[in-house]
Amino acid sequence: MTSLSGDSDSSGPTAERQTLVCARCGTAAEAPQPLWSCSVENGGRRYFCENCARENLRAIESRLDSAWW
């Protein structure tokens, strides 16, 4: 499993939480979200919530950019 950039193995009280926002529907959630999908498009990371990822699973597996969904 890979970590988000800037994450470390220590999750003590000083660790800052990252908020993820779905690039498709705008749903926000506190990271980490193991059922969310992360896509690198045009050099930037885009996160997709569980519902959007499930709805577009074939496009994700085909490695289509989210603009094609």
Protein backbone atom coordinates (compact mmCIF):
# COMPACT_ATOMS: atom_id res chain seq x y z
CA MET A 1 0.00 0.00 0.00
CA THR A 2 1.33 3.43 -0.81
CA SER A 3 1.07 6.50 1.36
CA LEU A 4 -0.13 9.92 0.37
CA SER A 5 2.69 12.38 -0.19
CA GLY A 6 3.86 13.84 3.09
CA ASP A 7 2.44 10.94 5.11
CA SER A 8 4.58 9.10 7.59
CA ASP A 9 4.11 5.94 9.59
CA SER A 10 3.55 7.91 12.78
CA SER A 11 -0.07 8.88 13.24
CA GLY A 12 0.35 10.63 16.58
CA PRO A 13 -1.58 13.67 17.73
CA THR A 14 0.75 16.03 15.83
CA ALA A 15 0.00 14.39 12.48
CA GLU A 16 -1.98 16.75 10.24
CA ARG A 17 -5.04 15.21 8.57
CA GLN A 18 -5.60 15.68 4.85
CA THR A 19 -9.06 16.22 3.43
CA LEU A 20 -9.79 14.43 0.18
CA VAL A 21 -12.34 15.85 -2.26
CA CYS A 22 -13.85 13.72 -5.01
CA ALA A 23 -12.94 15.22 -8.38
CA ARG A 24 -16.24 14.04 -9.86
CA CYS A 25 -19.00 14.74 -7.30
CA GLY A 26 -17.27 16.96 -4.73
CA THR A 27 -17.74 14.66 -1.72
CA ALA A 28 -15.22 15.49 1.01
CA ALA A 29 -13.73 13.03 3.51
CA GLU A 30 -10.80 12.85 5.88
CA ALA A 31 -7.83 10.85 4.57
CA PRO A 32 -7.07 8.02 4.39
CA GLN A 33 -10.06 6.52 2.58
CA PRO A 34 -9.13 2.96 1.56
CA LEU A 35 -12.09 2.56 -0.82
CA TRP A 36 -11.37 5.75 -2.77
CA SER A 37 -9.45 5.71 -6.03
CA CYS A 38 -6.50 7.94 -6.86
CA SER A 39 -5.67 8.82 -10.46
CA VAL A 40 -2.70 10.78 -11.79
CA GLU A 41 -3.84 12.89 -14.72
CA ASN A 42 -1.74 15.59 -16.39
CA GLY A 43 0.77 15.36 -13.55
CA GLY A 44 -1.74 15.95 -10.76
CA ARG A 45 -3.51 13.59 -8.37
CA ARG A 46 -7.28 13.30 -8.59
CA TYR A 47 -9.28 11.40 -5.99
CA PHE A 48 -12.62 9.68 -6.60
CA CYS A 49 -15.03 8.58 -3.88
CA GLU A 50 -16.20 4.99 -3.57
CA ASN A 51 -19.48 5.64 -5.43
CA CYS A 52 -17.88 7.46 -8.38
CA ALA A 53 -15.10 4.88 -8.61
CA ARG A 54 -17.63 2.02 -8.70
CA GLU A 55 -19.79 3.75 -11.32
CA ASN A 56 -16.78 4.25 -13.60
CA LEU A 57 -14.79 1.09 -12.86
CA ARG A 58 -14.44 0.01 -16.50
CA ALA A 59 -13.13 3.42 -17.55
CA ILE A 60 -10.67 3.40 -14.64
CA GLU A 61 -9.43 -0.09 -15.55
CA SER A 62 -9.08 1.02 -19.19
CA ARG A 63 -6.93 3.91 -17.90
CA LEU A 64 -9.12 6.55 -19.51
CA ASP A 65 -8.77 10.07 -18.13
CA SER A 66 -11.81 11.15 -16.13
CA ALA A 67 -12.72 13.63 -18.90
CA TRP A 68 -13.79 10.60 -20.99
CA TRP A 69 -16.17 9.24 -18.33
